[in-house]
Amino acid sequence: MTNPQINVKGWKAIPVILVVLAIVGYKYYAMRSTLDTDATQVKKSLAAL
């Protein structure tokens, strides 16, 4: 299997970077917000200290 290489240059790179950052940010947010209720309560109680 070959890996196609994508070259993005100039102004086209800006939207590509924004899309990649949006995807990474969403995945990070989704990962952080899926804690179960008990873990969320422990995290809140530790933050309150």
Foldseek 3Di string as FASTA:
>chain_A
DDDDDDDDDDPRVVVVVVVVVVVVVVVVVVVVPPDDPVVVVVVVVVVVD
